[in-house]
Amino acid sequence: MKLMYAPQSPFARKVRVAVIELGLGDEIEPVLQAVAPVKENADYAANVNPLRKIPALLLDDGRVLYDSTVICEYLDDLAGGGQILPAPGPDRWDVLTQHALAQGMMEAAVLVRYETWLRPGERRWPDYVDDQWDRIESGLDWFEANAKGLVGPVNITHVALGCLLGYLDFRWPDAGWRDGRSRLTNWSNWFARRDSCKQTEPHDP
């Protein structure tokens, strides 16, 4: 299998962390893929993902999976199931809901990046940027107040949240997301020490 990724993408990193946490590193070849908004990549759109997004997982039988959550679910099943995604039951819905929050925060962070880096300065929308940051801050406050949900074996929520926090440190090291959030900070420090995080630290290609 081949994983199409970019080292700066938090969504691709989520899958790469999951691969390591699930012990599937020997089965998946990472392939660097350059994609960006407003930059057409007709070959990638035609042969991999019509949306021109990463990550995408090319299976050995020729099928392609895309969307980081879909890929993580596939990998969890490949590893035997019930690993980073709990088995059916109340815990599964809690984890999936918390994952949706972390994933939404990640999406907001990427939108801030696009708005402040990709869009020409005279066309940027400060109120939009502030709104996205507010979503991120609200999510951080929720996880700080509900840090008990971060205990236990690593699951898909932990992976997504860890990648989101890593992306904030990567793109906005002075944003101060740790201020007033000691429990979330302690958890982030713990997660950052895992081999899966060390091996996938974001960087510009």
N, C-alpha and C. Protein backbone atom coordinates (compact mmCIF):
# COMPACT_ATOMS: atom_id res chain seq x y z
N MET A 1 0.84 -1.19 0.00
CA MET A 1 0.00 0.00 0.00
C MET A 1 0.88 1.24 0.00
N LYS A 2 0.33 2.31 -0.59
CA LYS A 2 1.06 3.57 -0.64
C LYS A 2 0.21 4.68 -0.04
N LEU A 3 0.82 5.48 0.82
CA LEU A 3 0.13 6.60 1.45
C LEU A 3 0.63 7.89 0.83
N MET A 4 -0.24 8.59 0.14
CA MET A 4 0.09 9.89 -0.42
C MET A 4 -0.03 10.93 0.69
N TYR A 5 1.04 11.69 0.92
CA TYR A 5 1.05 12.60 2.06
C TYR A 5 1.93 13.81 1.77
N ALA A 6 1.82 14.80 2.65
CA ALA A 6 2.75 15.93 2.68
C ALA A 6 3.15 16.11 4.14
N PRO A 7 4.41 16.40 4.43
CA PRO A 7 4.89 16.43 5.82
C PRO A 7 4.31 17.55 6.66
N GLN A 8 3.75 18.58 6.03
CA GLN A 8 3.20 19.69 6.80
C GLN A 8 1.70 19.52 7.08
N SER A 9 1.07 18.56 6.45
CA SER A 9 -0.38 18.39 6.58
C SER A 9 -0.75 17.69 7.89
N PRO A 10 -1.59 18.31 8.73
CA PRO A 10 -2.01 17.64 9.96
C PRO A 10 -2.92 16.45 9.68
N PHE A 11 -3.66 16.49 8.57
CA PHE A 11 -4.53 15.37 8.23
C PHE A 11 -3.70 14.16 7.80
N ALA A 12 -2.68 14.40 6.98
CA ALA A 12 -1.80 13.31 6.60
C ALA A 12 -1.03 12.79 7.82
N ARG A 13 -0.65 13.70 8.70
CA ARG A 13 0.07 13.27 9.89
C ARG A 13 -0.80 12.38 10.77
N LYS A 14 -2.09 12.69 10.82
CA LYS A 14 -3.00 11.85 11.61
C LYS A 14 -2.94 10.41 11.15
N VAL A 15 -2.94 10.21 9.85
CA VAL A 15 -2.86 8.85 9.31
C VAL A 15 -1.50 8.24 9.58
N ARG A 16 -0.44 9.02 9.42
CA ARG A 16 0.90 8.49 9.65
C ARG A 16 1.10 8.09 11.12
N VAL A 17 0.56 8.88 12.03
CA VAL A 17 0.62 8.51 13.44
C VAL A 17 -0.17 7.23 13.68
N ALA A 18 -1.34 7.14 13.09
CA ALA A 18 -2.16 5.94 13.25
C ALA A 18 -1.44 4.70 12.72
N VAL A 19 -0.77 4.84 11.60
CA VAL A 19 -0.01 3.71 11.02
C VAL A 19 1.00 3.18 12.04
N ILE A 20 1.71 4.09 12.68
CA ILE A 20 2.74 3.68 13.64
C ILE A 20 2.10 3.10 14.89
N GLU A 21 1.06 3.77 15.40
CA GLU A 21 0.40 3.28 16.61
C GLU A 21 -0.20 1.89 16.40
N LEU A 22 -0.62 1.60 15.18
CA LEU A 22 -1.23 0.31 14.88
C LEU A 22 -0.23 -0.75 14.45
N GLY A 23 1.05 -0.37 14.37
CA GLY A 23 2.08 -1.33 14.01
C GLY A 23 2.05 -1.75 12.55
N LEU A 24 1.63 -0.85 11.67
CA LEU A 24 1.49 -1.18 10.26
C LEU A 24 2.56 -0.54 9.38
N GLY A 25 3.60 -0.02 9.99
CA GLY A 25 4.60 0.71 9.24
C GLY A 25 5.26 -0.08 8.13
N ASP A 26 5.42 -1.38 8.30
CA ASP A 26 6.08 -2.19 7.28
C ASP A 26 5.18 -2.47 6.08
N GLU A 27 3.89 -2.19 6.22
CA GLU A 27 2.95 -2.51 5.16
C GLU A 27 2.60 -1.32 4.27
N ILE A 28 3.05 -0.12 4.66
CA ILE A 28 2.62 1.08 3.95
C ILE A 28 3.84 1.92 3.56
N GLU A 29 3.91 2.26 2.29
CA GLU A 29 4.99 3.10 1.77
C GLU A 29 4.51 4.56 1.68
N PRO A 30 5.15 5.47 2.40
CA PRO A 30 4.77 6.88 2.28
C PRO A 30 5.30 7.48 0.98
N VAL A 31 4.44 8.20 0.28
CA VAL A 31 4.82 8.82 -1.00
C VAL A 31 4.52 10.30 -0.92
N LEU A 32 5.54 11.12 -1.04
CA LEU A 32 5.37 12.56 -0.97
C LEU A 32 4.54 13.04 -2.15
N GLN A 33 3.52 13.85 -1.86
CA GLN A 33 2.63 14.35 -2.90
C GLN A 33 2.37 15.83 -2.69
N ALA A 34 2.65 16.64 -3.68
CA ALA A 34 2.44 18.08 -3.58
C ALA A 34 1.03 18.43 -4.07
N VAL A 35 0.23 18.95 -3.17
CA VAL A 35 -1.09 19.46 -3.53
C VAL A 35 -1.30 20.76 -2.77
N ALA A 36 -2.05 21.68 -3.38
CA ALA A 36 -2.33 22.96 -2.74
C ALA A 36 -3.54 23.59 -3.40
N PRO A 37 -4.32 24.37 -2.67
CA PRO A 37 -5.45 25.06 -3.28
C PRO A 37 -4.99 25.95 -4.44
N VAL A 38 -5.84 26.06 -5.44
CA VAL A 38 -5.66 26.86 -6.65
C VAL A 38 -4.47 26.40 -7.50
N LYS A 39 -3.89 25.27 -7.17
CA LYS A 39 -2.82 24.72 -7.98
C LYS A 39 -3.31 23.39 -8.56
N GLU A 40 -3.67 23.44 -9.84
CA GLU A 40 -4.26 22.27 -10.47
C GLU A 40 -3.27 21.11 -10.55
N ASN A 41 -3.76 19.93 -10.28
CA ASN A 41 -2.96 18.72 -10.40
C ASN A 41 -3.85 17.68 -11.06
N ALA A 42 -3.95 17.78 -12.39
CA ALA A 42 -4.91 16.97 -13.14
C ALA A 42 -4.62 15.48 -13.01
N ASP A 43 -3.36 15.11 -12.99
CA ASP A 43 -3.00 13.70 -12.90
C ASP A 43 -3.46 13.11 -11.57
N TYR A 44 -3.21 13.84 -10.49
CA TYR A 44 -3.62 13.37 -9.17
C TYR A 44 -5.14 13.29 -9.09
N ALA A 45 -5.83 14.29 -9.64
CA ALA A 45 -7.29 14.30 -9.61
C ALA A 45 -7.86 13.12 -10.38
N ALA A 46 -7.25 12.80 -11.50
CA ALA A 46 -7.77 11.73 -12.35
C ALA A 46 -7.46 10.34 -11.81
N ASN A 47 -6.32 10.20 -11.14
CA ASN A 47 -5.86 8.86 -10.77
C ASN A 47 -5.90 8.55 -9.27
N VAL A 48 -6.05 9.58 -8.44
CA VAL A 48 -6.01 9.34 -7.00
C VAL A 48 -7.27 9.90 -6.33
N ASN A 49 -7.34 11.21 -6.18
CA ASN A 49 -8.46 11.83 -5.47
C ASN A 49 -9.00 13.00 -6.30
N PRO A 50 -10.24 12.90 -6.79
CA PRO A 50 -10.81 13.99 -7.59
C PRO A 50 -10.81 15.34 -6.87
N LEU A 51 -10.79 15.32 -5.54
CA LEU A 51 -10.78 16.56 -4.77
C LEU A 51 -9.38 17.15 -4.64
N ARG A 52 -8.37 16.42 -5.11
CA ARG A 52 -6.97 16.86 -5.05
C ARG A 52 -6.53 17.12 -3.61
N LYS A 53 -6.92 16.24 -2.72
CA LYS A 53 -6.55 16.39 -1.32
C LYS A 53 -5.72 15.20 -0.86
N ILE A 54 -4.95 15.44 0.19
CA ILE A 54 -4.25 14.36 0.88
C ILE A 54 -4.78 14.31 2.32
N PRO A 55 -4.63 13.15 2.94
CA PRO A 55 -3.98 11.92 2.49
C PRO A 55 -4.89 11.09 1.59
N ALA A 56 -4.25 10.19 0.88
CA ALA A 56 -4.96 9.16 0.12
C ALA A 56 -4.17 7.87 0.26
N LEU A 57 -4.87 6.77 0.39
CA LEU A 57 -4.22 5.47 0.57
C LEU A 57 -4.52 4.60 -0.64
N LEU A 58 -3.46 4.24 -1.37
CA LEU A 58 -3.60 3.39 -2.54
C LEU A 58 -3.43 1.94 -2.10
N LEU A 59 -4.51 1.18 -2.22
CA LEU A 59 -4.49 -0.21 -1.79
C LEU A 59 -3.85 -1.10 -2.85
N ASP A 60 -3.43 -2.27 -2.41
CA ASP A 60 -2.73 -3.17 -3.32
C ASP A 60 -3.63 -3.68 -4.45
N ASP A 61 -4.94 -3.67 -4.25
CA ASP A 61 -5.86 -4.15 -5.29
C ASP A 61 -6.28 -3.06 -6.26
N GLY A 62 -5.67 -1.86 -6.12
CA GLY A 62 -5.95 -0.77 -7.04
C GLY A 62 -6.97 0.24 -6.54
N ARG A 63 -7.69 -0.08 -5.48
CA ARG A 63 -8.64 0.88 -4.93
C ARG A 63 -7.91 2.00 -4.21
N VAL A 64 -8.59 3.14 -4.06
CA VAL A 64 -8.03 4.29 -3.36
C VAL A 64 -9.00 4.73 -2.27
N LEU A 65 -8.46 4.93 -1.09
CA LEU A 65 -9.24 5.48 0.02
C LEU A 65 -8.77 6.89 0.28
N TYR A 66 -9.71 7.82 0.49
CA TYR A 66 -9.31 9.16 0.89
C TYR A 66 -10.21 9.66 2.00
N ASP A 67 -9.72 10.71 2.64
CA ASP A 67 -10.24 11.28 3.88
C ASP A 67 -9.52 10.57 5.04
N SER A 68 -8.90 11.38 5.88
CA SER A 68 -8.06 10.82 6.94
C SER A 68 -8.84 9.91 7.88
N THR A 69 -10.10 10.24 8.15
CA THR A 69 -10.88 9.42 9.08
C THR A 69 -11.23 8.08 8.45
N VAL A 70 -11.61 8.08 7.18
CA VAL A 70 -11.91 6.83 6.48
C VAL A 70 -10.67 5.94 6.46
N ILE A 71 -9.52 6.54 6.18
CA ILE A 71 -8.28 5.75 6.13
C ILE A 71 -7.96 5.18 7.50
N CYS A 72 -8.11 5.98 8.55
CA CYS A 72 -7.82 5.49 9.90
C CYS A 72 -8.76 4.34 10.28
N GLU A 73 -10.00 4.44 9.87
CA GLU A 73 -10.94 3.35 10.17
C GLU A 73 -10.53 2.09 9.43
N TYR A 74 -10.11 2.23 8.19
CA TYR A 74 -9.64 1.07 7.42
C TYR A 74 -8.42 0.45 8.09
N LEU A 75 -7.48 1.28 8.51
CA LEU A 75 -6.26 0.78 9.13
C LEU A 75 -6.56 0.08 10.45
N ASP A 76 -7.50 0.64 11.21
CA ASP A 76 -7.88 0.00 12.47
C ASP A 76 -8.45 -1.39 12.20
N ASP A 77 -9.29 -1.50 11.19
CA ASP A 77 -9.85 -2.80 10.81
C ASP A 77 -8.75 -3.74 10.36
N LEU A 78 -7.80 -3.22 9.59
CA LEU A 78 -6.68 -4.03 9.11
C LEU A 78 -5.86 -4.58 10.27
N ALA A 79 -5.77 -3.79 11.34
CA ALA A 79 -4.97 -4.20 12.51
C ALA A 79 -5.76 -5.10 13.47
N GLY A 80 -6.97 -5.44 13.11
CA GLY A 80 -7.75 -6.36 13.94
C GLY A 80 -9.00 -5.74 14.54
N GLY A 81 -9.14 -4.43 14.44
CA GLY A 81 -10.33 -3.75 14.95
C GLY A 81 -10.26 -3.45 16.43
N GLY A 82 -10.95 -2.40 16.84
CA GLY A 82 -11.00 -2.05 18.25
C GLY A 82 -9.70 -1.53 18.81
N GLN A 83 -8.84 -1.00 17.96
CA GLN A 83 -7.54 -0.50 18.42
C GLN A 83 -7.62 1.00 18.71
N ILE A 84 -7.65 1.81 17.67
CA ILE A 84 -7.80 3.25 17.89
C ILE A 84 -9.26 3.69 17.76
N LEU A 85 -10.11 2.78 17.29
CA LEU A 85 -11.55 3.01 17.27
C LEU A 85 -12.21 1.97 18.14
N PRO A 86 -12.88 2.38 19.23
CA PRO A 86 -13.49 1.40 20.12
C PRO A 86 -14.52 0.54 19.41
N ALA A 87 -14.76 -0.64 19.95
CA ALA A 87 -15.80 -1.52 19.42
C ALA A 87 -17.16 -0.86 19.62
N PRO A 88 -18.19 -1.29 18.88
CA PRO A 88 -19.51 -0.69 19.02
C PRO A 88 -19.98 -0.64 20.47
N GLY A 89 -20.56 0.49 20.84
CA GLY A 89 -21.01 0.71 22.21
C GLY A 89 -20.88 2.18 22.58
N PRO A 90 -21.25 2.55 23.80
CA PRO A 90 -21.22 3.96 24.21
C PRO A 90 -19.85 4.61 24.07
N ASP A 91 -18.78 3.88 24.40
CA ASP A 91 -17.44 4.47 24.31
C ASP A 91 -17.10 4.88 22.88
N ARG A 92 -17.57 4.10 21.92
CA ARG A 92 -17.27 4.42 20.53
C ARG A 92 -17.86 5.77 20.14
N TRP A 93 -19.09 6.02 20.55
CA TRP A 93 -19.74 7.28 20.17
C TRP A 93 -19.10 8.46 20.87
N ASP A 94 -18.65 8.26 22.11
CA ASP A 94 -17.93 9.34 22.80
C ASP A 94 -16.64 9.67 22.07
N VAL A 95 -15.90 8.64 21.71
CA VAL A 95 -14.63 8.85 21.02
C VAL A 95 -14.85 9.51 19.66
N LEU A 96 -15.83 9.04 18.91
CA LEU A 96 -16.08 9.61 17.59
C LEU A 96 -16.53 11.07 17.68
N THR A 97 -17.33 11.39 18.69
CA THR A 97 -17.78 12.77 18.85
C THR A 97 -16.61 13.68 19.22
N GLN A 98 -15.77 13.23 20.15
CA GLN A 98 -14.60 14.02 20.53
C GLN A 98 -13.63 14.13 19.35
N HIS A 99 -13.52 13.08 18.57
CA HIS A 99 -12.68 13.14 17.38
C HIS A 99 -13.21 14.18 16.39
N ALA A 100 -14.53 14.25 16.24
CA ALA A 100 -15.12 15.23 15.33
C ALA A 100 -14.77 16.65 15.77
N LEU A 101 -14.71 16.87 17.07
CA LEU A 101 -14.31 18.19 17.58
C LEU A 101 -12.86 18.48 17.23
N ALA A 102 -11.97 17.54 17.51
CA ALA A 102 -10.55 17.75 17.20
C ALA A 102 -10.35 17.91 15.70
N GLN A 103 -11.08 17.14 14.90
CA GLN A 103 -10.96 17.25 13.45
C GLN A 103 -11.44 18.62 12.96
N GLY A 104 -12.53 19.11 13.55
CA GLY A 104 -13.03 20.43 13.18
C GLY A 104 -12.06 21.53 13.53
N MET A 105 -11.39 21.40 14.65
CA MET A 105 -10.36 22.36 15.04
C MET A 105 -9.20 22.34 14.05
N MET A 106 -8.85 21.14 13.61
CA MET A 106 -7.78 21.01 12.64
C MET A 106 -8.17 21.70 11.33
N GLU A 107 -9.41 21.50 10.91
CA GLU A 107 -9.88 22.15 9.69
C GLU A 107 -9.84 23.67 9.83
N ALA A 108 -10.23 24.16 11.00
CA ALA A 108 -10.20 25.61 11.23
C ALA A 108 -8.77 26.14 11.15
N ALA A 109 -7.83 25.41 11.71
CA ALA A 109 -6.43 25.84 11.70
C ALA A 109 -5.89 25.90 10.27
N VAL A 110 -6.24 24.92 9.45
CA VAL A 110 -5.78 24.93 8.06
C VAL A 110 -6.42 26.09 7.30
N LEU A 111 -7.68 26.39 7.59
CA LEU A 111 -8.33 27.53 6.94
C LEU A 111 -7.66 28.85 7.32
N VAL A 112 -7.23 28.97 8.58
CA VAL A 112 -6.47 30.16 8.99
C VAL A 112 -5.18 30.25 8.19
N ARG A 113 -4.52 29.13 8.05
CA ARG A 113 -3.27 29.11 7.28
C ARG A 113 -3.50 29.56 5.83
N TYR A 114 -4.53 29.01 5.21
CA TYR A 114 -4.81 29.40 3.83
C TYR A 114 -5.15 30.88 3.72
N GLU A 115 -5.97 31.37 4.65
CA GLU A 115 -6.42 32.76 4.58
C GLU A 115 -5.28 33.75 4.80
N THR A 116 -4.34 33.38 5.66
CA THR A 116 -3.27 34.32 6.02
C THR A 116 -1.99 34.11 5.24
N TRP A 117 -1.90 33.04 4.51
CA TRP A 117 -0.66 32.74 3.77
C TRP A 117 -0.90 32.65 2.26
N LEU A 118 -1.99 32.00 1.87
CA LEU A 118 -2.24 31.77 0.46
C LEU A 118 -3.00 32.93 -0.20
N ARG A 119 -3.97 33.47 0.50
CA ARG A 119 -4.78 34.54 -0.10
C ARG A 119 -3.98 35.84 -0.14
N PRO A 120 -4.04 36.57 -1.25
CA PRO A 120 -3.35 37.86 -1.33
C PRO A 120 -3.78 38.80 -0.20
N GLY A 121 -2.84 39.59 0.31
CA GLY A 121 -3.09 40.42 1.47
C GLY A 121 -4.29 41.32 1.34
N GLU A 122 -4.50 41.93 0.17
CA GLU A 122 -5.60 42.87 0.02
C GLU A 122 -6.96 42.19 -0.03
N ARG A 123 -6.97 40.86 -0.12
CA ARG A 123 -8.23 40.12 -0.19
C ARG A 123 -8.51 39.30 1.06
N ARG A 124 -7.68 39.44 2.06
CA ARG A 124 -7.86 38.67 3.29
C ARG A 124 -9.02 39.23 4.11
N TRP A 125 -9.62 38.34 4.90
CA TRP A 125 -10.83 38.65 5.67
C TRP A 125 -10.52 38.45 7.15
N PRO A 126 -10.12 39.50 7.86
CA PRO A 126 -9.73 39.36 9.28
C PRO A 126 -10.82 38.76 10.16
N ASP A 127 -12.08 39.14 9.93
CA ASP A 127 -13.16 38.61 10.76
C ASP A 127 -13.29 37.10 10.59
N TYR A 128 -13.06 36.63 9.39
CA TYR A 128 -13.11 35.20 9.12
C TYR A 128 -11.99 34.48 9.88
N VAL A 129 -10.81 35.05 9.85
CA VAL A 129 -9.68 34.47 10.58
C VAL A 129 -9.98 34.44 12.08
N ASP A 130 -10.51 35.52 12.61
CA ASP A 130 -10.84 35.58 14.03
C ASP A 130 -11.88 34.52 14.39
N ASP A 131 -12.84 34.31 13.50
CA ASP A 131 -13.88 33.32 13.75
C ASP A 131 -13.29 31.91 13.81
N GLN A 132 -12.37 31.62 12.91
CA GLN A 132 -11.73 30.29 12.93
C GLN A 132 -10.89 30.10 14.19
N TRP A 133 -10.17 31.14 14.60
CA TRP A 133 -9.40 31.05 15.84
C TRP A 133 -10.33 30.85 17.03
N ASP A 134 -11.49 31.49 17.02
CA ASP A 134 -12.43 31.33 18.11
C ASP A 134 -12.92 29.89 18.22
N ARG A 135 -13.13 29.25 17.07
CA ARG A 135 -13.52 27.85 17.08
C ARG A 135 -12.41 26.98 17.70
N ILE A 136 -11.18 27.29 17.33
CA ILE A 136 -10.05 26.53 17.89
C ILE A 136 -9.95 26.74 19.39
N GLU A 137 -10.04 27.99 19.82
CA GLU A 137 -9.94 28.31 21.24
C GLU A 137 -11.06 27.64 22.03
N SER A 138 -12.28 27.66 21.49
CA SER A 138 -13.40 27.01 22.17
C SER A 138 -13.16 25.52 22.33
N GLY A 139 -12.62 24.90 21.28
CA GLY A 139 -12.30 23.48 21.36
C GLY A 139 -11.21 23.19 22.37
N LEU A 140 -10.20 24.03 22.41
CA LEU A 140 -9.13 23.85 23.39
C LEU A 140 -9.68 23.95 24.80
N ASP A 141 -10.57 24.91 25.03
CA ASP A 141 -11.18 25.06 26.35
C ASP A 141 -11.99 23.82 26.72
N TRP A 142 -12.68 23.27 25.72
CA TRP A 142 -13.49 22.08 26.00
C TRP A 142 -12.59 20.91 26.41
N PHE A 143 -11.51 20.69 25.68
CA PHE A 143 -10.63 19.58 26.02
C PHE A 143 -9.93 19.82 27.35
N GLU A 144 -9.62 21.08 27.68
CA GLU A 144 -9.04 21.38 28.99
C GLU A 144 -10.01 21.02 30.10
N ALA A 145 -11.28 21.35 29.90
CA ALA A 145 -12.29 21.07 30.92
C ALA A 145 -12.67 19.60 30.97
N ASN A 146 -12.42 18.89 29.90
CA ASN A 146 -12.80 17.48 29.83
C ASN A 146 -11.58 16.60 29.59
N ALA A 147 -10.50 16.94 30.25
CA ALA A 147 -9.24 16.23 30.03
C ALA A 147 -9.32 14.76 30.42
N LYS A 148 -10.30 14.41 31.26
CA LYS A 148 -10.44 13.00 31.64
C LYS A 148 -10.72 12.12 30.42
N GLY A 149 -11.25 12.73 29.36
CA GLY A 149 -11.49 11.98 28.15
C GLY A 149 -10.22 11.63 27.40
N LEU A 150 -9.09 12.16 27.85
CA LEU A 150 -7.83 11.91 27.17
C LEU A 150 -6.99 10.82 27.85
N VAL A 151 -7.53 10.21 28.88
CA VAL A 151 -6.80 9.13 29.54
C VAL A 151 -7.08 7.82 28.81
N GLY A 152 -6.28 6.81 29.12
CA GLY A 152 -6.50 5.50 28.55
C GLY A 152 -5.69 5.27 27.28
N PRO A 153 -5.88 4.11 26.67
CA PRO A 153 -5.13 3.76 25.46
C PRO A 153 -5.36 4.79 24.35
N VAL A 154 -4.36 4.96 23.52
CA VAL A 154 -4.45 5.93 22.43
C VAL A 154 -5.59 5.56 21.48
N ASN A 155 -6.42 6.55 21.18
CA ASN A 155 -7.50 6.34 20.22
C ASN A 155 -7.46 7.45 19.17
N ILE A 156 -8.41 7.44 18.25
CA ILE A 156 -8.39 8.37 17.14
C ILE A 156 -8.56 9.82 17.59
N THR A 157 -9.24 10.04 18.72
CA THR A 157 -9.34 11.40 19.26
C THR A 157 -7.96 11.90 19.67
N HIS A 158 -7.22 11.08 20.38
CA HIS A 158 -5.88 11.46 20.81
C HIS A 158 -5.00 11.79 19.60
N VAL A 159 -5.10 10.97 18.58
CA VAL A 159 -4.27 11.17 17.39
C VAL A 159 -4.60 12.50 16.73
N ALA A 160 -5.89 12.76 16.53
CA ALA A 160 -6.29 14.01 15.87
C ALA A 160 -5.93 15.22 16.72
N LEU A 161 -6.19 15.16 18.01
CA LEU A 161 -5.88 16.29 18.88
C LEU A 161 -4.38 16.52 18.95
N GLY A 162 -3.60 15.46 19.07
CA GLY A 162 -2.15 15.62 19.10
C GLY A 162 -1.62 16.25 17.83
N CYS A 163 -2.19 15.87 16.68
CA CYS A 163 -1.75 16.46 15.42
C CYS A 163 -2.19 17.91 15.30
N LEU A 164 -3.36 18.25 15.82
CA LEU A 164 -3.81 19.64 15.83
C LEU A 164 -2.88 20.50 16.66
N LEU A 165 -2.55 20.06 17.86
CA LEU A 165 -1.68 20.84 18.73
C LEU A 165 -0.28 20.96 18.11
N GLY A 166 0.18 19.90 17.49
CA GLY A 166 1.47 19.96 16.81
C GLY A 166 1.46 20.94 15.66
N TYR A 167 0.33 21.01 14.96
CA TYR A 167 0.21 21.95 13.85
C TYR A 167 0.20 23.39 14.35
N LEU A 168 -0.47 23.64 15.48
CA LEU A 168 -0.45 24.98 16.07
C LEU A 168 0.97 25.38 16.43
N ASP A 169 1.71 24.46 17.02
CA ASP A 169 3.11 24.77 17.38
C ASP A 169 3.97 24.99 16.14
N PHE A 170 3.67 24.26 15.09
CA PHE A 170 4.44 24.35 13.85
C PHE A 170 4.19 25.68 13.13
N ARG A 171 2.94 26.04 12.98
CA ARG A 171 2.59 27.24 12.21
C ARG A 171 2.56 28.52 13.04
N TRP A 172 2.17 28.40 14.32
CA TRP A 172 2.04 29.60 15.16
C TRP A 172 2.66 29.33 16.53
N PRO A 173 3.98 29.21 16.59
CA PRO A 173 4.65 28.85 17.84
C PRO A 173 4.44 29.84 18.97
N ASP A 174 4.04 31.06 18.64
CA ASP A 174 3.82 32.07 19.67
C ASP A 174 2.35 32.33 19.94
N ALA A 175 1.48 31.45 19.49
CA ALA A 175 0.04 31.67 19.65
C ALA A 175 -0.41 31.56 21.10
N GLY A 176 0.35 30.85 21.92
CA GLY A 176 0.03 30.77 23.34
C GLY A 176 -1.16 29.90 23.68
N TRP A 177 -1.38 28.82 22.92
CA TRP A 177 -2.54 27.98 23.22
C TRP A 177 -2.43 27.29 24.58
N ARG A 178 -1.22 27.18 25.12
CA ARG A 178 -1.04 26.52 26.42
C ARG A 178 -1.46 27.41 27.60
N ASP A 179 -1.56 28.70 27.39
CA ASP A 179 -1.86 29.63 28.49
C ASP A 179 -3.19 29.28 29.15
N GLY A 180 -3.14 29.01 30.45
CA GLY A 180 -4.34 28.69 31.20
C GLY A 180 -4.89 27.30 30.95
N ARG A 181 -4.11 26.46 30.28
CA ARG A 181 -4.59 25.10 29.96
C ARG A 181 -3.53 24.09 30.39
N SER A 182 -3.34 23.97 31.67
CA SER A 182 -2.26 23.13 32.20
C SER A 182 -2.50 21.65 31.93
N ARG A 183 -3.75 21.21 32.05
CA ARG A 183 -4.01 19.79 31.84
C ARG A 183 -3.81 19.39 30.38
N LEU A 184 -4.26 20.25 29.49
CA LEU A 184 -4.07 19.96 28.07
C LEU A 184 -2.59 20.05 27.69
N THR A 185 -1.88 20.97 28.31
CA THR A 185 -0.44 21.08 28.08
C THR A 185 0.28 19.83 28.52
N ASN A 186 -0.05 19.33 29.72
CA ASN A 186 0.59 18.12 30.22
C ASN A 186 0.30 16.93 29.31
N TRP A 187 -0.95 16.85 28.85
CA TRP A 187 -1.29 15.75 27.95
C TRP A 187 -0.51 15.87 26.65
N SER A 188 -0.43 17.08 26.10
CA SER A 188 0.30 17.29 24.85
C SER A 188 1.77 16.92 24.99
N ASN A 189 2.36 17.27 26.13
CA ASN A 189 3.76 16.92 26.36
C ASN A 189 3.94 15.40 26.38
N TRP A 190 2.98 14.72 26.99
CA TRP A 190 3.04 13.25 27.02
C TRP A 190 2.91 12.67 25.62
N PHE A 191 1.95 13.17 24.86
CA PHE A 191 1.71 12.62 23.53
C PHE A 191 2.88 12.90 22.60
N ALA A 192 3.48 14.07 22.74
CA ALA A 192 4.59 14.45 21.87
C ALA A 192 5.82 13.56 22.07
N ARG A 193 5.89 12.88 23.20
CA ARG A 193 7.03 12.00 23.46
C ARG A 193 6.86 10.62 22.84
N ARG A 194 5.70 10.32 22.32
CA ARG A 194 5.48 9.01 21.71
C ARG A 194 6.27 8.92 20.40
N ASP A 195 6.73 7.73 20.09
CA ASP A 195 7.51 7.53 18.87
C ASP A 195 6.72 7.95 17.64
N SER A 196 5.41 7.71 17.65
CA SER A 196 4.60 8.04 16.49
C SER A 196 4.61 9.53 16.21
N CYS A 197 4.72 10.34 17.27
CA CYS A 197 4.78 11.79 17.08
C CYS A 197 6.19 12.23 16.68
N LYS A 198 7.17 11.66 17.32
CA LYS A 198 8.54 12.02 17.01
C LYS A 198 8.89 11.74 15.55
N GLN A 199 8.36 10.65 15.03
CA GLN A 199 8.66 10.23 13.66
C GLN A 199 7.90 11.01 12.60
N THR A 200 6.90 11.79 13.03
CA THR A 200 6.04 12.46 12.04
C THR A 200 5.97 13.96 12.27
N GLU A 201 6.96 14.54 12.93
CA GLU A 201 6.92 15.98 13.21
C GLU A 201 6.76 16.75 11.90
N PRO A 202 5.84 17.74 11.88
CA PRO A 202 5.59 18.46 10.63
C PRO A 202 6.75 19.36 10.23
N HIS A 203 6.90 19.51 8.94
CA HIS A 203 7.90 20.43 8.40
C HIS A 203 7.52 20.75 6.97
N ASP A 204 7.99 21.88 6.49
CA ASP A 204 7.74 22.23 5.08
C ASP A 204 8.69 21.43 4.20
N PRO A 205 8.18 20.91 3.10
CA PRO A 205 9.03 20.08 2.23
C PRO A 205 10.09 20.91 1.53
